[in-house]
Amino acid sequence: MRKYQKENVYEAFNKRLDYICNYFDHLIVSFSGGKDSGLMLELVHRYYEENKLADKEIVVSVYYLDYEGNYQETKDYIERSMGKYPDFDYYHICMPVSASCGISMSQSTWLPWDPEHPELWLNSVPEGAIHLENHNFPFFEIGMSDYDFQSKFCQWLHQEKKAERTAVLVGIRAQESLNRFNAVTRDETFSRFGTTNYSHRIFHNVFNFYPMYDWLFEDVWVANAKFGFDYNHLYDLYDLYFQAGVPFKSMRVANPFHQCGVSSLKLYQALEPETWGKLIGRVNGANFAAIYGGTIALGYRGVSLPKGHTWETYVDFLLKTLPEDIREVYLKKFQSSLTYWTKNGGALPQKVVSELEETNLQFENLGTPKNNRNYKQEYELVRFKKYPDDVPIKNFRLVPSYKRMCITILKNDTSCQYMGFGQTKDELQKKKEAMKKWESFS
């Protein structure tokens, strides 16, 4: 439940930094070049000067993980920002880390700054950046995931600075997605710093903090205008697209091939045709995603069933269109889901079970789950007599079905996150093998 306070979000932000700086002697600003992390940088600097953090020997570091491809306005903004405030330490990082790819049917990740194919790079390595030939990261392995890299980088920097405690300031806002809302409203406390709900432990004495979590989209721009902060002027171009119907959530500054940005990939084609020309040669499927991203073709906006098919037969049809190795990835996970829900049974919230009881689906209610998990609400164990073709209920995404399998394939979601899967041991092993292949470059 949202609770409104008497203070505004700027005052609340400063109070959170008061709290953080009482316990932490090293701050890391996670900078992406977007509106939220850019505002974070400006607010932290303003707080740093007003509260004389230098006199308190509190060190501030700023890092930017460069994904090789970006709009020119974003590159210009990053160049203005990295090194802007001399009191801060800066790390512009151009390393070959594995990044999420939501546009290709043949690869679930891509490798920015691939050392074997520099001719395909979307940009050259900026002057002064940290790259494969000059880095000093003992933890680094080519092909490690970008999230794993960022976590280990913060741990490494914590040790390099000989800090007692390090706070990594991340500019996520609860308004942007349900996952981000859950990140700052969860009940569990074992991974927090104390009882601070907008924190998350990533290493001993290293914590992520989200001090802007309650800011709204409008608040970001009010702050920029009120204080005269610099920002990424790509958003000035985006404003023209907002007037033409492009929603705020599509105005992304991130890894250009990330699945969350598929529906807005086409904006590159309109805003920067030259950059777009490089993008379509970088990862297989970029042009298709630009044309069909955000449509039924890629599993968005109400996928409909082709005439003469059930969702089960449509799954079989889609699987036959895939390369064999990709098809096997899906088949293995789909079979796991089939076995789990028809043999063992899975836990569902009671309200979802009540919805299922109003349908014609046949299932057994096995009662309360017998495990050690601490559920936030009442759950019941359900086992289906036959794997559902479709689930005509409001919370259909919580329940397995062949329709969800179809959407997963159409989204090029080889990790099957849409179906609730995480990485398997086999996938982790393949990642290790890929890293080993690149050891000679490290």
Protein backbone atom coordinates (compact mmCIF):
# COMPACT_ATOMS: atom_id res chain seq x y z
CA MET A 1 0.00 0.00 0.00
CA ARG A 2 1.37 3.43 -0.96
CA LYS A 3 1.74 5.81 1.99
CA TYR A 4 2.16 9.52 1.30
CA GLN A 5 4.54 11.49 3.51
CA LYS A 6 4.68 15.19 4.27
CA GLU A 7 8.18 15.51 2.82
CA ASN A 8 8.82 15.58 -0.93
CA VAL A 9 10.94 13.00 -2.75
CA TYR A 10 14.01 15.28 -2.83
CA GLU A 11 13.90 15.72 0.95
CA ALA A 12 13.39 11.97 1.38
CA PHE A 13 16.37 11.29 -0.89
CA ASN A 14 18.62 13.53 1.21
CA LYS A 15 17.45 11.86 4.44
CA ARG A 16 18.34 8.48 2.93
CA LEU A 17 21.81 9.74 2.04
CA ASP A 18 22.13 11.07 5.61
CA TYR A 19 21.45 7.56 6.84
CA ILE A 20 23.77 5.90 4.33
CA CYS A 21 26.66 8.29 5.00
CA ASN A 22 26.39 7.64 8.74
CA TYR A 23 27.41 4.02 8.12
CA PHE A 24 29.30 3.97 4.80
CA ASP A 25 32.62 5.58 3.88
CA HIS A 26 32.54 4.71 0.17
CA LEU A 27 29.74 5.47 -2.30
CA ILE A 28 29.56 4.03 -5.83
CA VAL A 29 27.20 5.63 -8.33
CA SER A 30 26.02 3.11 -10.94
CA PHE A 31 25.76 5.29 -14.07
CA SER A 32 24.08 4.20 -17.33
CA GLY A 33 23.64 7.47 -19.19
CA GLY A 34 19.86 7.39 -18.66
CA LYS A 35 17.65 9.93 -16.93
CA ASP A 36 17.53 8.19 -13.52
CA SER A 37 21.22 7.37 -13.06
CA GLY A 38 22.12 10.79 -14.49
CA LEU A 39 19.96 12.50 -11.90
CA MET A 40 21.47 10.24 -9.22
CA LEU A 41 24.94 11.49 -10.14
CA GLU A 42 23.85 15.13 -9.93
CA LEU A 43 21.98 14.70 -6.63
CA VAL A 44 24.89 12.86 -5.03
CA HIS A 45 27.30 15.61 -6.08
CA ARG A 46 24.95 18.29 -4.73
CA TYR A 47 24.68 16.39 -1.43
CA TYR A 48 28.49 15.82 -1.40
CA GLU A 49 29.19 19.55 -1.58
CA GLU A 50 26.41 20.72 0.76
CA ASN A 51 27.39 18.22 3.46
CA LYS A 52 31.19 18.50 2.95
CA LEU A 53 31.67 14.74 2.54
CA ALA A 54 35.31 15.29 1.57
CA ASP A 55 35.98 16.54 5.11
CA LYS A 56 34.36 13.35 6.42
CA GLU A 57 36.70 11.29 4.17
CA ILE A 58 33.79 9.73 2.29
CA VAL A 59 34.95 8.64 -1.17
CA VAL A 60 32.63 8.66 -4.22
CA SER A 61 33.25 6.47 -7.27
CA VAL A 62 31.28 6.46 -10.54
CA TYR A 63 31.26 3.60 -13.04
CA TYR A 64 29.73 3.22 -16.48
CA LEU A 65 29.50 -0.17 -18.22
CA ASP A 66 29.67 0.57 -21.95
CA TYR A 67 27.64 -1.81 -24.16
CA GLU A 68 29.40 -0.65 -27.34
CA GLY A 69 26.27 0.71 -29.06
CA ASN A 70 24.47 3.93 -28.19
CA TYR A 71 22.86 7.00 -29.64
CA GLN A 72 25.26 9.89 -30.34
CA GLU A 73 23.41 12.08 -27.81
CA THR A 74 24.01 9.40 -25.19
CA LYS A 75 27.71 9.16 -26.06
CA ASP A 76 28.02 12.94 -25.83
CA TYR A 77 26.29 12.96 -22.45
CA ILE A 78 28.52 10.20 -21.10
CA GLU A 79 31.60 12.10 -22.28
CA ARG A 80 30.34 15.21 -20.44
CA SER A 81 29.55 13.23 -17.28
CA MET A 82 32.53 10.91 -16.83
CA GLY A 83 35.11 13.13 -15.12
CA LYS A 84 32.72 16.04 -14.63
CA TYR A 85 33.32 16.40 -10.90
CA PRO A 86 37.05 16.21 -9.98
CA ASP A 87 36.32 15.05 -6.41
CA PHE A 88 34.87 11.78 -7.76
CA ASP A 89 36.73 8.76 -9.18
CA TYR A 90 35.54 7.49 -12.58
CA TYR A 91 35.59 4.11 -14.33
CA HIS A 92 34.45 3.92 -17.97
CA ILE A 93 34.41 0.18 -18.66
CA CYS A 94 34.48 -1.43 -22.14
CA MET A 95 34.87 -5.14 -21.39
CA PRO A 96 33.61 -8.21 -23.33
CA VAL A 97 30.87 -9.30 -20.95
CA SER A 98 27.88 -11.41 -21.89
CA ALA A 99 24.79 -9.23 -22.30
CA SER A 100 21.15 -10.24 -22.65
CA CYS A 101 19.82 -10.52 -26.20
CA GLY A 102 16.08 -10.60 -26.79
CA ILE A 103 16.03 -10.24 -30.58
CA SER A 104 17.68 -13.37 -31.98
CA MET A 105 16.34 -16.91 -32.37
CA SER A 106 19.90 -18.28 -32.48
CA GLN A 107 21.49 -16.61 -29.44
CA SER A 108 20.24 -15.59 -26.02
CA THR A 109 23.23 -13.34 -25.31
CA TRP A 110 25.69 -11.23 -27.27
CA LEU A 111 29.26 -10.11 -26.55
CA PRO A 112 30.00 -6.38 -26.68
CA TRP A 113 33.66 -5.64 -27.45
CA ASP A 114 34.13 -9.18 -28.80
CA PRO A 115 37.95 -9.52 -29.11
CA GLU A 116 37.62 -11.91 -32.07
CA HIS A 117 35.53 -9.51 -34.15
CA PRO A 118 36.63 -5.90 -33.60
CA GLU A 119 35.52 -5.15 -37.18
CA LEU A 120 31.90 -5.54 -35.99
CA TRP A 121 32.16 -3.15 -33.06
CA LEU A 122 29.56 -0.41 -33.16
CA ASN A 123 32.07 2.12 -31.81
CA SER A 124 35.77 2.34 -31.00
CA VAL A 125 36.92 2.19 -27.37
CA PRO A 126 36.81 5.75 -25.95
CA GLU A 127 40.05 7.36 -24.85
CA GLY A 128 40.76 6.71 -21.19
CA ALA A 129 38.36 3.77 -20.92
CA ILE A 130 39.20 0.49 -19.21
CA HIS A 131 39.32 -2.34 -21.76
CA LEU A 132 40.62 -5.87 -22.31
CA GLU A 133 44.21 -4.78 -22.92
CA ASN A 134 44.66 -2.47 -19.93
CA HIS A 135 42.32 -3.69 -17.19
CA ASN A 136 43.43 -4.78 -13.74
CA PHE A 137 40.46 -6.91 -12.72
CA PRO A 138 41.68 -10.23 -11.24
CA PHE A 139 38.10 -11.57 -11.24
CA PHE A 140 37.44 -10.94 -14.94
CA GLU A 141 36.66 -13.71 -17.42
CA ILE A 142 35.63 -13.03 -21.01
CA GLY A 143 31.96 -13.87 -21.42
CA MET A 144 31.00 -13.51 -17.76
CA SER A 145 27.52 -12.02 -17.44
CA ASP A 146 27.20 -8.26 -17.19
CA TYR A 147 25.35 -8.56 -13.85
CA ASP A 148 28.04 -10.85 -12.44
CA PHE A 149 30.71 -8.41 -13.63
CA GLN A 150 29.05 -5.43 -11.97
CA SER A 151 28.68 -7.28 -8.68
CA LYS A 152 32.33 -8.40 -8.67
CA PHE A 153 33.53 -5.00 -9.85
CA CYS A 154 31.88 -3.35 -6.83
CA GLN A 155 33.43 -5.94 -4.53
CA TRP A 156 36.85 -5.34 -6.12
CA LEU A 157 36.49 -1.55 -5.87
CA HIS A 158 35.44 -1.86 -2.23
CA GLN A 159 38.72 -3.67 -1.52
CA GLU A 160 40.80 -1.32 -3.69
CA LYS A 161 39.52 1.68 -1.76
CA LYS A 162 40.13 -0.13 1.54
CA ALA A 163 36.65 0.92 2.57
CA GLU A 164 34.94 -0.24 5.74
CA ARG A 165 31.55 -0.29 4.02
CA THR A 166 30.56 0.45 0.42
CA ALA A 167 27.11 1.63 -0.72
CA VAL A 168 26.31 1.15 -4.40
CA LEU A 169 23.70 3.76 -5.36
CA VAL A 170 21.40 2.47 -8.11
CA GLY A 171 18.80 4.72 -9.75
CA ILE A 172 15.88 2.32 -10.03
CA ARG A 173 12.34 3.55 -9.40
CA ALA A 174 9.40 1.41 -8.28
CA GLN A 175 7.16 3.10 -10.86
CA GLU A 176 9.08 1.53 -13.77
CA SER A 177 8.20 -2.14 -13.30
CA LEU A 178 6.70 -4.69 -10.95
CA ASN A 179 10.11 -6.31 -10.44
CA ARG A 180 11.56 -3.00 -9.31
CA PHE A 181 8.57 -2.37 -7.05
CA ASN A 182 9.10 -5.80 -5.47
CA ALA A 183 12.80 -5.06 -4.96
CA VAL A 184 11.98 -2.29 -2.49
CA THR A 185 8.81 -3.68 -0.87
CA ARG A 186 9.80 -7.28 -0.09
CA ASP A 187 9.30 -8.52 3.47
CA GLU A 188 12.47 -10.60 3.87
CA THR A 189 15.21 -8.94 5.92
CA PHE A 190 18.22 -11.27 5.74
CA SER A 191 19.72 -9.51 2.69
CA ARG A 192 19.00 -5.94 3.78
CA PHE A 193 21.24 -3.47 5.54
CA GLY A 194 19.54 -3.44 8.92
CA THR A 195 15.82 -2.93 8.31
CA THR A 196 16.27 -0.68 5.28
CA ASN A 197 13.88 -1.99 2.63
CA TYR A 198 15.58 -0.06 -0.21
CA SER A 199 18.85 -1.97 0.28
CA HIS A 200 20.25 -5.33 -0.77
CA ARG A 201 23.49 -7.03 0.28
CA ILE A 202 25.76 -8.12 -2.58
CA PHE A 203 28.90 -8.92 -0.57
CA HIS A 204 30.25 -8.62 2.94
CA ASN A 205 29.97 -4.90 3.79
CA VAL A 206 28.89 -4.04 0.21
CA PHE A 207 25.22 -3.13 -0.30
CA ASN A 208 23.06 -1.84 -3.13
CA PHE A 209 20.83 1.10 -2.18
CA TYR A 210 17.90 2.50 -4.16
CA PRO A 211 17.37 5.98 -2.67
CA MET A 212 15.25 7.19 -5.63
CA TYR A 213 12.82 4.28 -5.49
CA ASP A 214 9.72 6.44 -4.86
CA TRP A 215 10.44 9.11 -7.48
CA LEU A 216 7.97 9.44 -10.34
CA PHE A 217 8.83 10.16 -13.97
CA GLU A 218 7.65 13.75 -13.50
CA ASP A 219 9.80 14.19 -10.38
CA VAL A 220 12.95 13.43 -12.38
CA TRP A 221 12.30 16.23 -14.84
CA VAL A 222 11.13 18.69 -12.19
CA ALA A 223 14.46 18.19 -10.37
CA ASN A 224 16.48 18.65 -13.56
CA ALA A 225 14.63 21.88 -14.33
CA LYS A 226 14.65 23.22 -10.75
CA PHE A 227 18.38 22.69 -10.19
CA GLY A 228 19.55 23.22 -13.77
CA PHE A 229 21.15 19.78 -14.00
CA ASP A 230 22.63 18.48 -17.23
CA TYR A 231 20.89 15.44 -18.75
CA ASN A 232 20.93 13.18 -21.80
CA HIS A 233 19.45 15.31 -24.60
CA LEU A 234 18.29 12.18 -26.35
CA TYR A 235 15.16 12.70 -24.23
CA ASP A 236 14.49 15.93 -26.12
CA LEU A 237 14.17 13.81 -29.26
CA TYR A 238 12.11 11.24 -27.38
CA ASP A 239 9.67 14.03 -26.49
CA LEU A 240 8.74 14.30 -30.16
CA TYR A 241 7.98 10.57 -30.16
CA PHE A 242 5.91 10.88 -26.98
CA GLN A 243 3.73 13.38 -28.80
CA ALA A 244 3.40 10.78 -31.57
CA GLY A 245 2.28 8.11 -29.07
CA VAL A 246 5.54 6.45 -27.88
CA PRO A 247 5.09 5.76 -24.11
CA PHE A 248 7.58 6.87 -21.46
CA LYS A 249 8.56 3.24 -20.74
CA SER A 250 9.88 2.85 -24.29
CA MET A 251 12.33 5.73 -23.81
CA ARG A 252 15.20 3.48 -22.79
CA VAL A 253 18.94 4.08 -22.59
CA ALA A 254 20.51 0.63 -22.20
CA ASN A 255 21.96 -2.42 -23.93
CA PRO A 256 20.34 -1.95 -27.38
CA PHE A 257 19.47 -5.64 -27.78
CA HIS A 258 18.00 -6.27 -24.31
CA GLN A 259 14.59 -7.98 -24.33
CA CYS A 260 13.08 -5.07 -22.40
CA GLY A 261 13.95 -2.74 -25.27
CA VAL A 262 12.82 -4.84 -28.23
CA SER A 263 9.67 -2.79 -28.82
CA SER A 264 11.71 0.46 -29.00
CA LEU A 265 14.63 -0.81 -31.11
CA LYS A 266 12.98 0.73 -34.18
CA LEU A 267 13.61 4.20 -32.75
CA TYR A 268 17.29 3.83 -33.68
CA GLN A 269 16.21 3.58 -37.31
CA ALA A 270 14.35 6.88 -37.10
CA LEU A 271 16.63 8.85 -34.76
CA GLU A 272 20.06 7.75 -36.02
CA PRO A 273 20.04 5.90 -39.36
CA GLU A 274 23.86 5.60 -39.38
CA THR A 275 23.92 3.89 -35.99
CA TRP A 276 21.02 1.70 -37.09
CA GLY A 277 23.05 0.53 -40.08
CA LYS A 278 25.71 -0.78 -37.69
CA LEU A 279 23.18 -2.40 -35.35
CA ILE A 280 21.60 -4.62 -37.99
CA GLY A 281 25.02 -6.07 -38.81
CA ARG A 282 25.94 -6.66 -35.16
CA VAL A 283 23.37 -9.20 -33.94
CA ASN A 284 21.23 -11.51 -36.04
CA GLY A 285 17.55 -10.57 -35.83
CA ALA A 286 17.89 -6.81 -35.20
CA ASN A 287 15.96 -5.76 -38.30
CA PHE A 288 13.16 -8.28 -37.69
CA ALA A 289 12.85 -7.10 -34.07
CA ALA A 290 12.70 -3.46 -35.20
CA ILE A 291 9.86 -4.24 -37.59
CA TYR A 292 7.86 -6.58 -35.37
CA GLY A 293 8.99 -5.69 -31.83
CA GLY A 294 5.98 -4.97 -29.63
CA THR A 295 3.64 -6.88 -31.95
CA ILE A 296 2.00 -10.31 -31.94
CA ALA A 297 4.89 -11.64 -34.03
CA LEU A 298 7.21 -11.41 -31.02
CA GLY A 299 4.71 -12.46 -28.37
CA TYR A 300 3.35 -9.03 -27.47
CA ARG A 301 -0.18 -7.54 -27.48
CA GLY A 302 -2.49 -10.53 -27.42
CA VAL A 303 -1.09 -13.48 -29.30
CA SER A 304 -3.89 -15.19 -31.22
CA LEU A 305 -4.15 -18.87 -32.10
CA PRO A 306 -3.85 -19.73 -35.83
CA LYS A 307 -6.90 -21.40 -37.34
CA GLY A 308 -6.87 -25.19 -37.06
CA HIS A 309 -4.42 -25.28 -34.15
CA THR A 310 -4.58 -25.86 -30.43
CA TRP A 311 -1.89 -24.16 -28.39
CA GLU A 312 -0.22 -27.58 -28.00
CA THR A 313 -0.05 -28.17 -31.77
CA TYR A 314 1.10 -24.56 -32.29
CA VAL A 315 4.00 -25.22 -29.90
CA ASP A 316 5.00 -28.22 -32.02
CA PHE A 317 4.79 -26.10 -35.17
CA LEU A 318 6.94 -23.29 -33.73
CA LEU A 319 9.55 -25.72 -32.42
CA LYS A 320 9.96 -27.21 -35.91
CA THR A 321 10.87 -23.77 -37.28
CA LEU A 322 13.86 -23.44 -34.92
CA PRO A 323 17.49 -24.52 -35.34
CA GLU A 324 18.03 -27.92 -33.73
CA ASP A 325 20.22 -26.71 -30.87
CA ILE A 326 17.75 -23.96 -29.92
CA ARG A 327 14.82 -26.38 -30.23
CA GLU A 328 16.50 -28.75 -27.77
CA VAL A 329 16.89 -25.93 -25.24
CA TYR A 330 13.14 -25.28 -25.31
CA LEU A 331 12.19 -28.97 -25.34
CA LYS A 332 14.23 -29.69 -22.23
CA LYS A 333 12.58 -26.89 -20.25
CA PHE A 334 9.10 -27.55 -21.57
CA GLN A 335 9.39 -31.21 -20.57
CA SER A 336 10.54 -30.14 -17.12
CA SER A 337 7.42 -27.97 -16.77
CA LEU A 338 5.16 -30.79 -17.99
CA THR A 339 6.61 -33.23 -15.47
CA TYR A 340 6.56 -30.77 -12.61
CA TRP A 341 2.92 -29.71 -12.97
CA THR A 342 1.43 -33.13 -13.85
CA LYS A 343 3.53 -35.39 -11.61
CA ASN A 344 4.75 -33.37 -8.62
CA GLY A 345 2.45 -30.37 -8.54
CA GLY A 346 3.25 -26.71 -7.98
CA ALA A 347 2.29 -24.06 -5.44
CA LEU A 348 -0.19 -21.34 -6.41
CA PRO A 349 -1.79 -18.53 -4.39
CA GLN A 350 -5.21 -19.44 -2.98
CA LYS A 351 -6.91 -16.70 -5.01
CA VAL A 352 -5.51 -18.23 -8.22
CA VAL A 353 -6.68 -21.71 -7.16
CA SER A 354 -10.15 -20.23 -6.59
CA GLU A 355 -10.10 -18.83 -10.13
CA LEU A 356 -9.08 -22.25 -11.50
CA GLU A 357 -12.01 -23.88 -9.73
CA GLU A 358 -14.35 -21.74 -11.85
CA THR A 359 -12.89 -23.23 -15.08
CA ASN A 360 -13.19 -26.63 -16.73
CA LEU A 361 -9.55 -27.48 -16.04
CA GLN A 362 -9.03 -30.75 -14.16
CA PHE A 363 -6.60 -30.69 -11.26
CA GLU A 364 -6.05 -31.99 -7.75
CA ASN A 365 -5.73 -29.68 -4.77
CA LEU A 366 -3.04 -31.29 -2.59
CA GLY A 367 -3.36 -28.78 0.23
CA THR A 368 -0.72 -26.64 1.90
CA PRO A 369 2.83 -26.94 0.42
CA LYS A 370 5.12 -29.03 2.62
CA ASN A 371 8.34 -27.06 2.38
CA ASN A 372 10.31 -24.46 4.34
CA ARG A 373 9.51 -21.45 2.15
CA ASN A 374 8.06 -18.37 3.80
CA TYR A 375 5.15 -17.35 1.55
CA LYS A 376 3.78 -13.81 1.74
CA GLN A 377 0.24 -15.16 1.26
CA GLU A 378 -1.63 -18.45 1.52
CA TYR A 379 -0.59 -21.03 -1.11
CA GLU A 380 -1.97 -24.41 -2.14
CA LEU A 381 -0.32 -27.27 -4.00
CA VAL A 382 -1.95 -28.04 -7.36
CA ARG A 383 -1.37 -31.00 -9.70
CA PHE A 384 -2.98 -30.97 -13.15
CA LYS A 385 -4.42 -34.18 -14.59
CA LYS A 386 -3.61 -32.83 -18.06
CA TYR A 387 -1.25 -29.97 -18.87
CA PRO A 388 -3.48 -26.96 -19.70
CA ASP A 389 -3.76 -25.76 -23.28
CA ASP A 390 -4.87 -22.29 -22.19
CA VAL A 391 -5.85 -20.86 -18.81
CA PRO A 392 -8.77 -18.41 -19.09
CA ILE A 393 -8.21 -16.57 -15.81
CA LYS A 394 -6.92 -13.11 -14.86
CA ASN A 395 -3.67 -14.44 -13.36
CA PHE A 396 -2.87 -16.76 -16.27
CA ARG A 397 0.86 -15.94 -16.12
CA LEU A 398 1.13 -17.78 -12.80
CA VAL A 399 -0.25 -21.00 -14.25
CA PRO A 400 1.46 -23.31 -16.79
CA SER A 401 0.00 -23.71 -20.28
CA TYR A 402 0.94 -24.49 -23.85
CA LYS A 403 -0.01 -20.89 -24.66
CA ARG A 404 2.75 -19.66 -22.35
CA MET A 405 5.15 -21.98 -24.19
CA CYS A 406 4.13 -20.37 -27.51
CA ILE A 407 4.65 -16.85 -26.17
CA THR A 408 8.03 -17.88 -24.75
CA ILE A 409 9.18 -19.06 -28.20
CA LEU A 410 7.81 -15.96 -29.97
CA LYS A 411 9.70 -13.75 -27.52
CA ASN A 412 12.98 -15.58 -28.32
CA ASP A 413 13.11 -16.24 -24.58
CA THR A 414 15.53 -19.20 -24.59
CA SER A 415 16.02 -18.84 -20.84
CA CYS A 416 12.22 -19.31 -20.48
CA GLN A 417 12.00 -16.51 -17.92
CA TYR A 418 8.44 -15.86 -19.10
CA MET A 419 7.61 -19.35 -17.79
CA GLY A 420 9.39 -18.72 -14.49
CA PHE A 421 12.66 -20.56 -15.19
CA GLY A 422 16.13 -19.53 -14.04
CA GLN A 423 19.46 -20.70 -15.44
CA THR A 424 20.01 -24.48 -15.35
CA LYS A 425 23.23 -26.22 -14.33
CA ASP A 426 23.84 -27.12 -17.98
CA GLU A 427 23.53 -23.49 -19.03
CA LEU A 428 25.88 -22.40 -16.27
CA GLN A 429 28.34 -25.09 -17.38
CA LYS A 430 28.19 -23.87 -20.98
CA LYS A 431 28.91 -20.37 -19.74
CA LYS A 432 31.98 -21.65 -17.87
CA GLU A 433 33.18 -23.46 -20.98
CA ALA A 434 32.78 -20.30 -23.04
CA MET A 435 34.77 -18.34 -20.45
CA LYS A 436 37.53 -20.96 -20.52
CA LYS A 437 37.78 -20.57 -24.30
CA TRP A 438 38.70 -16.90 -23.84
CA GLU A 439 41.21 -17.32 -21.01
CA SER A 440 44.15 -16.62 -23.30
CA PHE A 441 42.83 -13.08 -23.92
CA SER A 442 42.49 -12.20 -20.25
